[in-house]
Amino acid sequence: MTGRDSKLQRELEEELAHREVARKIYQLREGAKLSQAELARRVGTTQSVISRLEDADYDGHSLAMLNRIAAAVEIRFVARKRMLQAG
């Protein structure tokens, strides 16, 4: 598709990475049964930021924000597991 154009190849790889990050954030949030607003509250941001992060065209992902999202979703899973064990 990109032939031997290394610049075009890098751009394509970046686009695919952005799409994958957006898809993973969406899947994690949905898997945790959280709305964008609920995840935003847990992460300490706004719903519009979560919406942008789930947009495949957004290229402003930061490692710090991705770590905050991962922690918020993980907390949800741990809490549910403990509730099931206690019940």
C-alpha atoms as a PDB file:
ATOM      1  CA  MET A   1       0.000   0.000   0.000  1.00  0.00           C
ATOM      2  CA  THR A   2       2.781   2.454   0.847  1.00  0.00           C
ATOM      3  CA  GLY A   3       5.421   0.978  -1.403  1.00  0.00           C
ATOM      4  CA  ARG A   4       8.913   2.062  -0.467  1.00  0.00           C
ATOM      5  CA  ASP A   5       7.908   5.470   0.904  1.00  0.00           C
ATOM      6  CA  SER A   6       9.180   5.340   4.489  1.00  0.00           C
ATOM      7  CA  LYS A   7       7.464   8.610   5.472  1.00  0.00           C
ATOM      8  CA  LEU A   8       4.131   7.328   4.236  1.00  0.00           C
ATOM      9  CA  GLN A   9       4.745   4.030   6.036  1.00  0.00           C
ATOM     10  CA  ARG A  10       5.406   5.878   9.339  1.00  0.00           C
ATOM     11  CA  GLU A  11       2.261   7.970   8.904  1.00  0.00           C
ATOM     12  CA  LEU A  12       0.202   4.856   8.257  1.00  0.00           C
ATOM     13  CA  GLU A  13       1.649   3.140  11.340  1.00  0.00           C
ATOM     14  CA  GLU A  14       0.846   6.207  13.467  1.00  0.00           C
ATOM     15  CA  GLU A  15      -2.731   6.274  12.194  1.00  0.00           C
ATOM     16  CA  LEU A  16      -3.159   2.590  12.954  1.00  0.00           C
ATOM     17  CA  ALA A  17      -1.720   3.101  16.446  1.00  0.00           C
ATOM     18  CA  HIS A  18      -4.139   5.984  17.148  1.00  0.00           C
ATOM     19  CA  ARG A  19      -7.045   3.860  15.986  1.00  0.00           C
ATOM     20  CA  GLU A  20      -5.932   0.943  18.190  1.00  0.00           C
ATOM     21  CA  VAL A  21      -5.528   3.151  21.293  1.00  0.00           C
ATOM     22  CA  ALA A  22      -8.983   4.676  20.773  1.00  0.00           C
ATOM     23  CA  ARG A  23     -10.543   1.237  20.304  1.00  0.00           C
ATOM     24  CA  LYS A  24      -8.854  -0.167  23.421  1.00  0.00           C
ATOM     25  CA  ILE A  25      -9.997   2.747  25.592  1.00  0.00           C
ATOM     26  CA  TYR A  26     -13.547   2.278  24.358  1.00  0.00           C
ATOM     27  CA  GLN A  27     -13.432  -1.490  24.933  1.00  0.00           C
ATOM     28  CA  LEU A  28     -12.016  -1.128  28.450  1.00  0.00           C
ATOM     29  CA  ARG A  29     -14.637   1.462  29.382  1.00  0.00           C
ATOM     30  CA  GLU A  30     -17.479  -0.599  27.956  1.00  0.00           C
ATOM     31  CA  GLY A  31     -16.130  -3.765  29.574  1.00  0.00           C
ATOM     32  CA  ALA A  32     -16.153  -2.006  32.932  1.00  0.00           C
ATOM     33  CA  LYS A  33     -19.734  -0.868  32.216  1.00  0.00           C
ATOM     34  CA  LEU A  34     -18.783   2.793  32.630  1.00  0.00           C
ATOM     35  CA  SER A  35     -20.182   5.747  30.738  1.00  0.00           C
ATOM     36  CA  GLN A  36     -17.729   8.312  29.431  1.00  0.00           C
ATOM     37  CA  ALA A  37     -18.810  10.630  32.258  1.00  0.00           C
ATOM     38  CA  GLU A  38     -18.267   7.928  34.908  1.00  0.00           C
ATOM     39  CA  LEU A  39     -14.797   7.108  33.600  1.00  0.00           C
ATOM     40  CA  ALA A  40     -13.996  10.821  33.433  1.00  0.00           C
ATOM     41  CA  ARG A  41     -14.913  11.254  37.117  1.00  0.00           C
ATOM     42  CA  ARG A  42     -12.704   8.314  38.106  1.00  0.00           C
ATOM     43  CA  VAL A  43      -9.800   9.671  36.067  1.00  0.00           C
ATOM     44  CA  GLY A  44     -10.257  13.276  37.194  1.00  0.00           C
ATOM     45  CA  THR A  45     -11.093  14.756  33.813  1.00  0.00           C
ATOM     46  CA  THR A  46     -14.158  15.620  31.747  1.00  0.00           C
ATOM     47  CA  GLN A  47     -16.421  13.534  29.552  1.00  0.00           C
ATOM     48  CA  SER A  48     -15.273  15.493  26.499  1.00  0.00           C
ATOM     49  CA  VAL A  49     -11.657  14.408  27.119  1.00  0.00           C
ATOM     50  CA  ILE A  50     -12.729  10.757  27.233  1.00  0.00           C
ATOM     51  CA  SER A  51     -14.723  11.280  24.048  1.00  0.00           C
ATOM     52  CA  ARG A  52     -11.657  12.707  22.299  1.00  0.00           C
ATOM     53  CA  LEU A  53      -9.507   9.808  23.531  1.00  0.00           C
ATOM     54  CA  GLU A  54     -11.982   7.358  21.990  1.00  0.00           C
ATOM     55  CA  ASP A  55     -11.813   9.176  18.638  1.00  0.00           C
ATOM     56  CA  ALA A  56      -9.490   7.386  16.194  1.00  0.00           C
ATOM     57  CA  ASP A  57      -8.512  10.748  14.654  1.00  0.00           C
ATOM     58  CA  TYR A  58      -7.249  12.143  17.980  1.00  0.00           C
ATOM     59  CA  ASP A  59      -3.472  12.182  18.220  1.00  0.00           C
ATOM     60  CA  GLY A  60      -2.938  13.742  21.650  1.00  0.00           C
ATOM     61  CA  HIS A  61      -2.770  10.580  23.745  1.00  0.00           C
ATOM     62  CA  SER A  62      -0.420  10.927  26.681  1.00  0.00           C
ATOM     63  CA  LEU A  63       1.070   8.038  28.587  1.00  0.00           C
ATOM     64  CA  ALA A  64       0.048   9.678  31.870  1.00  0.00           C
ATOM     65  CA  MET A  65      -3.624   9.836  30.835  1.00  0.00           C
ATOM     66  CA  LEU A  66      -3.568   6.270  29.515  1.00  0.00           C
ATOM     67  CA  ASN A  67      -2.130   5.103  32.855  1.00  0.00           C
ATOM     68  CA  ARG A  68      -4.877   6.977  34.733  1.00  0.00           C
ATOM     69  CA  ILE A  69      -7.526   5.295  32.600  1.00  0.00           C
ATOM     70  CA  ALA A  70      -5.969   1.872  33.114  1.00  0.00           C
ATOM     71  CA  ALA A  71      -5.894   2.430  36.871  1.00  0.00           C
ATOM     72  CA  ALA A  72      -9.522   3.577  36.934  1.00  0.00           C
ATOM     73  CA  VAL A  73     -10.719   0.550  35.005  1.00  0.00           C
ATOM     74  CA  GLU A  74      -8.587  -1.843  37.080  1.00  0.00           C
ATOM     75  CA  ILE A  75     -10.005  -0.425  40.306  1.00  0.00           C
ATOM     76  CA  ARG A  76     -13.454  -1.242  38.961  1.00  0.00           C
ATOM     77  CA  PHE A  77     -12.488  -4.850  38.234  1.00  0.00           C
ATOM     78  CA  VAL A  78     -10.848  -5.372  41.628  1.00  0.00           C
ATOM     79  CA  ALA A  79     -13.860  -3.958  43.472  1.00  0.00           C
ATOM     80  CA  ARG A  80     -16.281  -6.225  41.612  1.00  0.00           C
ATOM     81  CA  LYS A  81     -14.122  -9.288  42.284  1.00  0.00           C
ATOM     82  CA  ARG A  82     -13.994  -8.554  46.009  1.00  0.00           C
ATOM     83  CA  MET A  83     -17.759  -8.037  46.156  1.00  0.00           C
ATOM     84  CA  LEU A  84     -18.321 -11.399  44.489  1.00  0.00           C
ATOM     85  CA  GLN A  85     -15.933 -13.144  46.913  1.00  0.00           C
ATOM     86  CA  ALA A  86     -17.591 -11.519  49.919  1.00  0.00           C
ATOM     87  CA  GLY A  87     -21.094 -12.522  48.774  1.00  0.00           C
END
